[in-house]
Amino acid sequence: MSDWEGKSYFLNEEIDSLGAKPFLASGEIIRHKAGAHILRCPACNAVQFVANELQGEASAPTFAKPLRCACVRCACEFRIRSGKAIEVGADAREC
């Protein structure tokens, strides 16, 4: 279990682009007007652009599929379920 596991996420429905809010807070998810979701990796805090279905309430969203950080040094796989980050796989690499 990683020290970031269980980190909370929420959907900010008032913002639809990074131009409207250039600094994305940790745990904040934005649904871009083009359809992608923007969030920060729970492990390294790098900004991620995700084409993945988001379900559930804004206060506790769930992504339909696992996510992988695009950062070269991290490349962690994680899920967001009911607003919480969960590490994917028993042998997932440490971040």
PDB file of N, CA and C in Angstrom:
ATOM      1  N   MET A   1       0.846  -1.181   0.000  1.00  0.00           N
ATOM      2  CA  MET A   1       0.000   0.000   0.000  1.00  0.00           C
ATOM      3  C   MET A   1       0.888   1.239   0.000  1.00  0.00           C
ATOM      4  N   SER A   2       0.583   2.175  -0.877  1.00  0.00           N
ATOM      5  CA  SER A   2       1.364   3.404  -0.985  1.00  0.00           C
ATOM      6  C   SER A   2       0.901   4.435   0.019  1.00  0.00           C
ATOM      7  N   ASP A   3       1.777   5.369   0.324  1.00  0.00           N
ATOM      8  CA  ASP A   3       1.407   6.420   1.272  1.00  0.00           C
ATOM      9  C   ASP A   3       0.363   7.367   0.685  1.00  0.00           C
ATOM     10  N   TRP A   4       0.181   7.368  -0.634  1.00  0.00           N
ATOM     11  CA  TRP A   4      -0.827   8.221  -1.254  1.00  0.00           C
ATOM     12  C   TRP A   4      -2.179   7.523  -1.414  1.00  0.00           C
ATOM     13  N   GLU A   5      -2.233   6.240  -1.194  1.00  0.00           N
ATOM     14  CA  GLU A   5      -3.488   5.512  -1.377  1.00  0.00           C
ATOM     15  C   GLU A   5      -4.545   6.052  -0.423  1.00  0.00           C
ATOM     16  N   GLY A   6      -5.735   6.239  -0.944  1.00  0.00           N
ATOM     17  CA  GLY A   6      -6.830   6.791  -0.153  1.00  0.00           C
ATOM     18  C   GLY A   6      -6.962   8.301  -0.288  1.00  0.00           C
ATOM     19  N   LYS A   7      -6.077   8.917  -1.061  1.00  0.00           N
ATOM     20  CA  LYS A   7      -6.155  10.359  -1.294  1.00  0.00           C
ATOM     21  C   LYS A   7      -7.511  10.694  -1.914  1.00  0.00           C
ATOM     22  N   SER A   8      -8.125  11.774  -1.475  1.00  0.00           N
ATOM     23  CA  SER A   8      -9.471  12.139  -1.922  1.00  0.00           C
ATOM     24  C   SER A   8      -9.457  12.946  -3.220  1.00  0.00           C
ATOM     25  N   TYR A   9     -10.454  12.677  -4.066  1.00  0.00           N
ATOM     26  CA  TYR A   9     -10.675  13.398  -5.321  1.00  0.00           C
ATOM     27  C   TYR A   9     -12.116  13.872  -5.391  1.00  0.00           C
ATOM     28  N   PHE A  10     -12.333  14.994  -6.090  1.00  0.00           N
ATOM     29  CA  PHE A  10     -13.672  15.519  -6.323  1.00  0.00           C
ATOM     30  C   PHE A  10     -13.719  16.166  -7.690  1.00  0.00           C
ATOM     31  N   LEU A  11     -14.906  16.238  -8.289  1.00  0.00           N
ATOM     32  CA  LEU A  11     -15.095  16.875  -9.584  1.00  0.00           C
ATOM     33  C   LEU A  11     -15.517  18.316  -9.372  1.00  0.00           C
ATOM     34  N   ASN A  12     -14.742  19.255  -9.914  1.00  0.00           N
ATOM     35  CA  ASN A  12     -15.082  20.674  -9.869  1.00  0.00           C
ATOM     36  C   ASN A  12     -15.897  20.972 -11.119  1.00  0.00           C
ATOM     37  N   GLU A  13     -17.206  21.070 -10.972  1.00  0.00           N
ATOM     38  CA  GLU A  13     -18.104  21.260 -12.107  1.00  0.00           C
ATOM     39  C   GLU A  13     -18.180  22.711 -12.578  1.00  0.00           C
ATOM     40  N   GLU A  14     -17.561  23.621 -11.857  1.00  0.00           N
ATOM     41  CA  GLU A  14     -17.619  25.038 -12.218  1.00  0.00           C
ATOM     42  C   GLU A  14     -16.545  25.425 -13.231  1.00  0.00           C
ATOM     43  N   ILE A  15     -15.529  24.606 -13.411  1.00  0.00           N
ATOM     44  CA  ILE A  15     -14.403  24.895 -14.298  1.00  0.00           C
ATOM     45  C   ILE A  15     -14.421  23.899 -15.459  1.00  0.00           C
ATOM     46  N   ASP A  16     -14.134  24.385 -16.692  1.00  0.00           N
ATOM     47  CA  ASP A  16     -14.105  23.477 -17.835  1.00  0.00           C
ATOM     48  C   ASP A  16     -12.824  23.585 -18.666  1.00  0.00           C
ATOM     49  N   SER A  17     -11.807  24.245 -18.118  1.00  0.00           N
ATOM     50  CA  SER A  17     -10.514  24.309 -18.808  1.00  0.00           C
ATOM     51  C   SER A  17      -9.435  24.771 -17.835  1.00  0.00           C
ATOM     52  N   LEU A  18      -8.190  24.463 -18.168  1.00  0.00           N
ATOM     53  CA  LEU A  18      -7.082  24.926 -17.333  1.00  0.00           C
ATOM     54  C   LEU A  18      -6.891  26.428 -17.463  1.00  0.00           C
ATOM     55  N   GLY A  19      -7.333  27.011 -18.566  1.00  0.00           N
ATOM     56  CA  GLY A  19      -7.243  28.454 -18.744  1.00  0.00           C
ATOM     57  C   GLY A  19      -8.084  29.197 -17.725  1.00  0.00           C
ATOM     58  N   ALA A  20      -9.194  28.591 -17.303  1.00  0.00           N
ATOM     59  CA  ALA A  20     -10.068  29.215 -16.305  1.00  0.00           C
ATOM     60  C   ALA A  20      -9.466  29.118 -14.909  1.00  0.00           C
ATOM     61  N   LYS A  21      -8.629  28.113 -14.699  1.00  0.00           N
ATOM     62  CA  LYS A  21      -7.964  27.928 -13.407  1.00  0.00           C
ATOM     63  C   LYS A  21      -6.606  27.282 -13.669  1.00  0.00           C
ATOM     64  N   PRO A  22      -5.571  28.084 -13.906  1.00  0.00           N
ATOM     65  CA  PRO A  22      -4.267  27.541 -14.306  1.00  0.00           C
ATOM     66  C   PRO A  22      -3.634  26.588 -13.297  1.00  0.00           C
ATOM     67  N   PHE A  23      -3.877  26.764 -12.018  1.00  0.00           N
ATOM     68  CA  PHE A  23      -3.293  25.848 -11.032  1.00  0.00           C
ATOM     69  C   PHE A  23      -4.370  24.892 -10.539  1.00  0.00           C
ATOM     70  N   LEU A  24      -4.230  23.638 -10.892  1.00  0.00           N
ATOM     71  CA  LEU A  24      -5.166  22.598 -10.487  1.00  0.00           C
ATOM     72  C   LEU A  24      -4.764  22.084  -9.112  1.00  0.00           C
ATOM     73  N   ALA A  25      -5.669  22.138  -8.167  1.00  0.00           N
ATOM     74  CA  ALA A  25      -5.384  21.679  -6.803  1.00  0.00           C
ATOM     75  C   ALA A  25      -5.265  20.158  -6.766  1.00  0.00           C
ATOM     76  N   SER A  26      -4.500  19.651  -5.824  1.00  0.00           N
ATOM     77  CA  SER A  26      -4.363  18.226  -5.626  1.00  0.00           C
ATOM     78  C   SER A  26      -5.723  17.645  -5.244  1.00  0.00           C
ATOM     79  N   GLY A  27      -6.145  16.599  -5.920  1.00  0.00           N
ATOM     80  CA  GLY A  27      -7.435  15.972  -5.633  1.00  0.00           C
ATOM     81  C   GLY A  27      -8.594  16.549  -6.429  1.00  0.00           C
ATOM     82  N   GLU A  28      -8.336  17.589  -7.196  1.00  0.00           N
ATOM     83  CA  GLU A  28      -9.383  18.228  -7.990  1.00  0.00           C
ATOM     84  C   GLU A  28      -9.410  17.624  -9.392  1.00  0.00           C
ATOM     85  N   ILE A  29     -10.596  17.364  -9.912  1.00  0.00           N
ATOM     86  CA  ILE A  29     -10.786  16.853 -11.262  1.00  0.00           C
ATOM     87  C   ILE A  29     -11.602  17.888 -12.029  1.00  0.00           C
ATOM     88  N   ILE A  30     -11.160  18.194 -13.241  1.00  0.00           N
ATOM     89  CA  ILE A  30     -11.893  19.108 -14.114  1.00  0.00           C
ATOM     90  C   ILE A  30     -12.337  18.324 -15.338  1.00  0.00           C
ATOM     91  N   ARG A  31     -13.587  18.504 -15.756  1.00  0.00           N
ATOM     92  CA  ARG A  31     -14.064  17.925 -17.014  1.00  0.00           C
ATOM     93  C   ARG A  31     -13.894  19.009 -18.074  1.00  0.00           C
ATOM     94  N   HIS A  32     -12.910  18.839 -18.952  1.00  0.00           N
ATOM     95  CA  HIS A  32     -12.625  19.834 -19.983  1.00  0.00           C
ATOM     96  C   HIS A  32     -13.782  19.885 -20.970  1.00  0.00           C
ATOM     97  N   LYS A  33     -14.001  21.060 -21.538  1.00  0.00           N
ATOM     98  CA  LYS A  33     -15.104  21.238 -22.480  1.00  0.00           C
ATOM     99  C   LYS A  33     -14.969  20.337 -23.706  1.00  0.00           C
ATOM    100  N   ALA A  34     -13.760  19.845 -23.997  1.00  0.00           N
ATOM    101  CA  ALA A  34     -13.541  18.923 -25.115  1.00  0.00           C
ATOM    102  C   ALA A  34     -13.856  17.472 -24.741  1.00  0.00           C
ATOM    103  N   GLY A  35     -14.106  17.196 -23.453  1.00  0.00           N
ATOM    104  CA  GLY A  35     -14.508  15.862 -23.026  1.00  0.00           C
ATOM    105  C   GLY A  35     -13.505  15.125 -22.156  1.00  0.00           C
ATOM    106  N   ALA A  36     -12.231  15.505 -22.212  1.00  0.00           N
ATOM    107  CA  ALA A  36     -11.215  14.847 -21.376  1.00  0.00           C
ATOM    108  C   ALA A  36     -11.331  15.319 -19.933  1.00  0.00           C
ATOM    109  N   HIS A  37     -10.770  14.550 -19.028  1.00  0.00           N
ATOM    110  CA  HIS A  37     -10.714  14.933 -17.614  1.00  0.00           C
ATOM    111  C   HIS A  37      -9.276  15.285 -17.271  1.00  0.00           C
ATOM    112  N   ILE A  38      -9.106  16.278 -16.420  1.00  0.00           N
ATOM    113  CA  ILE A  38      -7.788  16.740 -16.015  1.00  0.00           C
ATOM    114  C   ILE A  38      -7.689  16.582 -14.507  1.00  0.00           C
ATOM    115  N   LEU A  39      -6.605  15.954 -14.043  1.00  0.00           N
ATOM    116  CA  LEU A  39      -6.397  15.737 -12.623  1.00  0.00           C
ATOM    117  C   LEU A  39      -4.904  15.601 -12.363  1.00  0.00           C
ATOM    118  N   ARG A  40      -4.524  15.531 -11.097  1.00  0.00           N
ATOM    119  CA  ARG A  40      -3.116  15.336 -10.717  1.00  0.00           C
ATOM    120  C   ARG A  40      -2.927  13.896 -10.231  1.00  0.00           C
ATOM    121  N   CYS A  41      -1.772  13.323 -10.560  1.00  0.00           N
ATOM    122  CA  CYS A  41      -1.415  11.977 -10.111  1.00  0.00           C
ATOM    123  C   CYS A  41      -1.321  11.983  -8.587  1.00  0.00           C
ATOM    124  N   PRO A  42      -1.856  10.968  -7.924  1.00  0.00           N
ATOM    125  CA  PRO A  42      -1.784  10.933  -6.461  1.00  0.00           C
ATOM    126  C   PRO A  42      -0.361  10.713  -5.942  1.00  0.00           C
ATOM    127  N   ALA A  43       0.503  10.133  -6.770  1.00  0.00           N
ATOM    128  CA  ALA A  43       1.861   9.817  -6.328  1.00  0.00           C
ATOM    129  C   ALA A  43       2.836  10.968  -6.538  1.00  0.00           C
ATOM    130  N   CYS A  44       2.862  11.540  -7.751  1.00  0.00           N
ATOM    131  CA  CYS A  44       3.873  12.552  -8.065  1.00  0.00           C
ATOM    132  C   CYS A  44       3.289  13.940  -8.286  1.00  0.00           C
ATOM    133  N   ASN A  45       1.984  14.066  -8.316  1.00  0.00           N
ATOM    134  CA  ASN A  45       1.271  15.337  -8.456  1.00  0.00           C
ATOM    135  C   ASN A  45       1.374  15.935  -9.860  1.00  0.00           C
ATOM    136  N   ALA A  46       1.816  15.154 -10.862  1.00  0.00           N
ATOM    137  CA  ALA A  46       1.882  15.631 -12.244  1.00  0.00           C
ATOM    138  C   ALA A  46       0.471  15.736 -12.816  1.00  0.00           C
ATOM    139  N   VAL A  47       0.238  16.731 -13.650  1.00  0.00           N
ATOM    140  CA  VAL A  47      -1.072  16.928 -14.272  1.00  0.00           C
ATOM    141  C   VAL A  47      -1.290  15.836 -15.321  1.00  0.00           C
ATOM    142  N   GLN A  48      -2.479  15.227 -15.291  1.00  0.00           N
ATOM    143  CA  GLN A  48      -2.851  14.154 -16.202  1.00  0.00           C
ATOM    144  C   GLN A  48      -4.053  14.577 -17.040  1.00  0.00           C
ATOM    145  N   PHE A  49      -4.057  14.214 -18.317  1.00  0.00           N
ATOM    146  CA  PHE A  49      -5.193  14.420 -19.203  1.00  0.00           C
ATOM    147  C   PHE A  49      -5.738  13.039 -19.515  1.00  0.00           C
ATOM    148  N   VAL A  50      -6.963  12.777 -19.116  1.00  0.00           N
ATOM    149  CA  VAL A  50      -7.517  11.428 -19.144  1.00  0.00           C
ATOM    150  C   VAL A  50      -8.774  11.365 -20.000  1.00  0.00           C
ATOM    151  N   ALA A  51      -8.789  10.427 -20.938  1.00  0.00           N
ATOM    152  CA  ALA A  51      -9.993  10.136 -21.714  1.00  0.00           C
ATOM    153  C   ALA A  51     -10.585   8.867 -21.118  1.00  0.00           C
ATOM    154  N   ASN A  52     -11.411   9.020 -20.106  1.00  0.00           N
ATOM    155  CA  ASN A  52     -11.946   7.896 -19.355  1.00  0.00           C
ATOM    156  C   ASN A  52     -13.310   8.320 -18.832  1.00  0.00           C
ATOM    157  N   GLU A  53     -14.257   7.409 -18.831  1.00  0.00           N
ATOM    158  CA  GLU A  53     -15.605   7.723 -18.360  1.00  0.00           C
ATOM    159  C   GLU A  53     -15.613   7.965 -16.851  1.00  0.00           C
ATOM    160  N   LEU A  54     -16.232   9.060 -16.458  1.00  0.00           N
ATOM    161  CA  LEU A  54     -16.353   9.407 -15.039  1.00  0.00           C
ATOM    162  C   LEU A  54     -17.790   9.170 -14.611  1.00  0.00           C
ATOM    163  N   GLN A  55     -17.952   8.442 -13.510  1.00  0.00           N
ATOM    164  CA  GLN A  55     -19.277   8.081 -13.012  1.00  0.00           C
ATOM    165  C   GLN A  55     -19.422   8.555 -11.575  1.00  0.00           C
ATOM    166  N   GLY A  56     -20.635   8.524 -11.080  1.00  0.00           N
ATOM    167  CA  GLY A  56     -20.879   8.850  -9.679  1.00  0.00           C
ATOM    168  C   GLY A  56     -21.088  10.330  -9.432  1.00  0.00           C
ATOM    169  N   GLU A  57     -21.150  10.670  -8.161  1.00  0.00           N
ATOM    170  CA  GLU A  57     -21.392  12.044  -7.744  1.00  0.00           C
ATOM    171  C   GLU A  57     -20.115  12.874  -7.840  1.00  0.00           C
ATOM    172  N   ALA A  58     -20.265  14.186  -7.948  1.00  0.00           N
ATOM    173  CA  ALA A  58     -19.129  15.097  -8.050  1.00  0.00           C
ATOM    174  C   ALA A  58     -18.257  15.038  -6.795  1.00  0.00           C
ATOM    175  N   SER A  59     -18.855  14.784  -5.653  1.00  0.00           N
ATOM    176  CA  SER A  59     -18.090  14.742  -4.404  1.00  0.00           C
ATOM    177  C   SER A  59     -17.338  13.427  -4.207  1.00  0.00           C
ATOM    178  N   ALA A  60     -17.712  12.380  -4.961  1.00  0.00           N
ATOM    179  CA  ALA A  60     -17.046  11.072  -4.845  1.00  0.00           C
ATOM    180  C   ALA A  60     -17.071  10.359  -6.199  1.00  0.00           C
ATOM    181  N   PRO A  61     -16.332  10.889  -7.191  1.00  0.00           N
ATOM    182  CA  PRO A  61     -16.369  10.309  -8.538  1.00  0.00           C
ATOM    183  C   PRO A  61     -15.606   8.994  -8.651  1.00  0.00           C
ATOM    184  N   THR A  62     -15.958   8.239  -9.699  1.00  0.00           N
ATOM    185  CA  THR A  62     -15.305   6.971 -10.004  1.00  0.00           C
ATOM    186  C   THR A  62     -14.971   6.941 -11.487  1.00  0.00           C
ATOM    187  N   PHE A  63     -13.715   6.613 -11.835  1.00  0.00           N
ATOM    188  CA  PHE A  63     -13.349   6.416 -13.225  1.00  0.00           C
ATOM    189  C   PHE A  63     -13.625   4.970 -13.582  1.00  0.00           C
ATOM    190  N   ALA A  64     -14.175   4.735 -14.784  1.00  0.00           N
ATOM    191  CA  ALA A  64     -14.558   3.397 -15.227  1.00  0.00           C
ATOM    192  C   ALA A  64     -13.352   2.468 -15.375  1.00  0.00           C
ATOM    193  N   LYS A  65     -12.202   3.006 -15.792  1.00  0.00           N
ATOM    194  CA  LYS A  65     -11.015   2.187 -16.031  1.00  0.00           C
ATOM    195  C   LYS A  65      -9.843   2.699 -15.201  1.00  0.00           C
ATOM    196  N   PRO A  66      -8.829   1.850 -15.007  1.00  0.00           N
ATOM    197  CA  PRO A  66      -7.623   2.305 -14.293  1.00  0.00           C
ATOM    198  C   PRO A  66      -6.913   3.408 -15.063  1.00  0.00           C
ATOM    199  N   LEU A  67      -6.150   4.207 -14.348  1.00  0.00           N
ATOM    200  CA  LEU A  67      -5.391   5.317 -14.925  1.00  0.00           C
ATOM    201  C   LEU A  67      -3.905   5.027 -14.758  1.00  0.00           C
ATOM    202  N   ARG A  68      -3.091   5.579 -15.653  1.00  0.00           N
ATOM    203  CA  ARG A  68      -1.639   5.443 -15.546  1.00  0.00           C
ATOM    204  C   ARG A  68      -1.032   6.830 -15.681  1.00  0.00           C
ATOM    205  N   CYS A  69      -0.169   7.168 -14.745  1.00  0.00           N
ATOM    206  CA  CYS A  69       0.504   8.454 -14.776  1.00  0.00           C
ATOM    207  C   CYS A  69       1.394   8.513 -16.008  1.00  0.00           C
ATOM    208  N   ALA A  70       1.367   9.629 -16.716  1.00  0.00           N
ATOM    209  CA  ALA A  70       2.169   9.813 -17.921  1.00  0.00           C
ATOM    210  C   ALA A  70       3.596  10.250 -17.614  1.00  0.00           C
ATOM    211  N   CYS A  71       3.887  10.508 -16.353  1.00  0.00           N
ATOM    212  CA  CYS A  71       5.216  10.948 -15.930  1.00  0.00           C
ATOM    213  C   CYS A  71       6.230   9.807 -16.112  1.00  0.00           C
ATOM    214  N   VAL A  72       7.378  10.103 -16.680  1.00  0.00           N
ATOM    215  CA  VAL A  72       8.399   9.090 -16.944  1.00  0.00           C
ATOM    216  C   VAL A  72       8.957   8.498 -15.651  1.00  0.00           C
ATOM    217  N   ARG A  73       9.159   9.296 -14.631  1.00  0.00           N
ATOM    218  CA  ARG A  73       9.757   8.778 -13.389  1.00  0.00           C
ATOM    219  C   ARG A  73       8.760   8.008 -12.533  1.00  0.00           C
ATOM    220  N   CYS A  74       7.492   8.214 -12.737  1.00  0.00           N
ATOM    221  CA  CYS A  74       6.468   7.622 -11.877  1.00  0.00           C
ATOM    222  C   CYS A  74       5.779   6.432 -12.554  1.00  0.00           C
ATOM    223  N   ALA A  75       5.010   6.686 -13.598  1.00  0.00           N
ATOM    224  CA  ALA A  75       4.261   5.674 -14.358  1.00  0.00           C
ATOM    225  C   ALA A  75       3.401   4.774 -13.484  1.00  0.00           C
ATOM    226  N   CYS A  76       2.898   5.299 -12.374  1.00  0.00           N
ATOM    227  CA  CYS A  76       2.041   4.519 -11.474  1.00  0.00           C
ATOM    228  C   CYS A  76       0.683   4.236 -12.103  1.00  0.00           C
ATOM    229  N   GLU A  77       0.126   3.095 -11.776  1.00  0.00           N
ATOM    230  CA  GLU A  77      -1.229   2.766 -12.167  1.00  0.00           C
ATOM    231  C   GLU A  77      -2.111   2.898 -10.942  1.00  0.00           C
ATOM    232  N   PHE A  78      -3.246   3.566 -11.121  1.00  0.00           N
ATOM    233  CA  PHE A  78      -4.155   3.777 -10.004  1.00  0.00           C
ATOM    234  C   PHE A  78      -5.581   3.861 -10.500  1.00  0.00           C
ATOM    235  N   ARG A  79      -6.504   3.723  -9.592  1.00  0.00           N
ATOM    236  CA  ARG A  79      -7.929   3.896  -9.868  1.00  0.00           C
ATOM    237  C   ARG A  79      -8.442   4.992  -8.958  1.00  0.00           C
ATOM    238  N   ILE A  80      -9.537   5.584  -9.369  1.00  0.00           N
ATOM    239  CA  ILE A  80     -10.249   6.512  -8.498  1.00  0.00           C
ATOM    240  C   ILE A  80     -11.642   5.899  -8.339  1.00  0.00           C
ATOM    241  N   ARG A  81     -11.942   5.464  -7.134  1.00  0.00           N
ATOM    242  CA  ARG A  81     -13.245   4.859  -6.834  1.00  0.00           C
ATOM    243  C   ARG A  81     -13.865   5.597  -5.669  1.00  0.00           C
ATOM    244  N   SER A  82     -15.079   6.033  -5.863  1.00  0.00           N
ATOM    245  CA  SER A  82     -15.814   6.764  -4.822  1.00  0.00           C
ATOM    246  C   SER A  82     -14.964   7.897  -4.244  1.00  0.00           C
ATOM    247  N   GLY A  83     -14.229   8.566  -5.137  1.00  0.00           N
ATOM    248  CA  GLY A  83     -13.438   9.723  -4.729  1.00  0.00           C
ATOM    249  C   GLY A  83     -12.125   9.403  -4.054  1.00  0.00           C
ATOM    250  N   LYS A  84     -11.698   8.144  -4.022  1.00  0.00           N
ATOM    251  CA  LYS A  84     -10.444   7.744  -3.362  1.00  0.00           C
ATOM    252  C   LYS A  84      -9.485   7.097  -4.361  1.00  0.00           C
ATOM    253  N   ALA A  85      -8.198   7.433  -4.235  1.00  0.00           N
ATOM    254  CA  ALA A  85      -7.162   6.826  -5.078  1.00  0.00           C
ATOM    255  C   ALA A  85      -6.804   5.452  -4.531  1.00  0.00           C
ATOM    256  N   ILE A  86      -6.689   4.475  -5.440  1.00  0.00           N
ATOM    257  CA  ILE A  86      -6.357   3.109  -5.067  1.00  0.00           C
ATOM    258  C   ILE A  86      -5.258   2.618  -6.016  1.00  0.00           C
ATOM    259  N   GLU A  87      -4.199   2.055  -5.470  1.00  0.00           N
ATOM    260  CA  GLU A  87      -3.116   1.519  -6.294  1.00  0.00           C
ATOM    261  C   GLU A  87      -3.606   0.278  -7.036  1.00  0.00           C
ATOM    262  N   VAL A  88      -3.196   0.127  -8.288  1.00  0.00           N
ATOM    263  CA  VAL A  88      -3.607  -1.010  -9.117  1.00  0.00           C
ATOM    264  C   VAL A  88      -2.548  -2.099  -9.052  1.00  0.00           C
ATOM    265  N   GLY A  89      -2.974  -3.311  -8.822  1.00  0.00           N
ATOM    266  CA  GLY A  89      -2.093  -4.482  -8.868  1.00  0.00           C
ATOM    267  C   GLY A  89      -1.275  -4.693  -7.612  1.00  0.00           C
ATOM    268  N   ALA A  90      -1.096  -5.954  -7.262  1.00  0.00           N
ATOM    269  CA  ALA A  90      -0.322  -6.311  -6.064  1.00  0.00           C
ATOM    270  C   ALA A  90       1.151  -6.000  -6.258  1.00  0.00           C
ATOM    271  N   ASP A  91       1.633  -6.084  -7.493  1.00  0.00           N
ATOM    272  CA  ASP A  91       3.047  -5.828  -7.745  1.00  0.00           C
ATOM    273  C   ASP A  91       3.266  -4.460  -8.417  1.00  0.00           C
ATOM    274  N   ALA A  92       2.355  -3.533  -8.191  1.00  0.00           N
ATOM    275  CA  ALA A  92       2.504  -2.190  -8.772  1.00  0.00           C
ATOM    276  C   ALA A  92       3.787  -1.564  -8.245  1.00  0.00           C
ATOM    277  N   ARG A  93       4.495  -0.886  -9.129  1.00  0.00           N
ATOM    278  CA  ARG A  93       5.795  -0.335  -8.717  1.00  0.00           C
ATOM    279  C   ARG A  93       5.613   0.828  -7.754  1.00  0.00           C
ATOM    280  N   GLU A  94       6.553   0.969  -6.850  1.00  0.00           N
ATOM    281  CA  GLU A  94       6.532   2.075  -5.866  1.00  0.00           C
ATOM    282  C   GLU A  94       6.794   3.389  -6.572  1.00  0.00           C
ATOM    283  N   CYS A  95       6.172   4.408  -6.130  1.00  0.00           N
ATOM    284  CA  CYS A  95       6.350   5.734  -6.719  1.00  0.00           C
ATOM    285  C   CYS A  95       7.131   6.621  -5.794  1.00  0.00           C
TER     286      CYS A  95
END
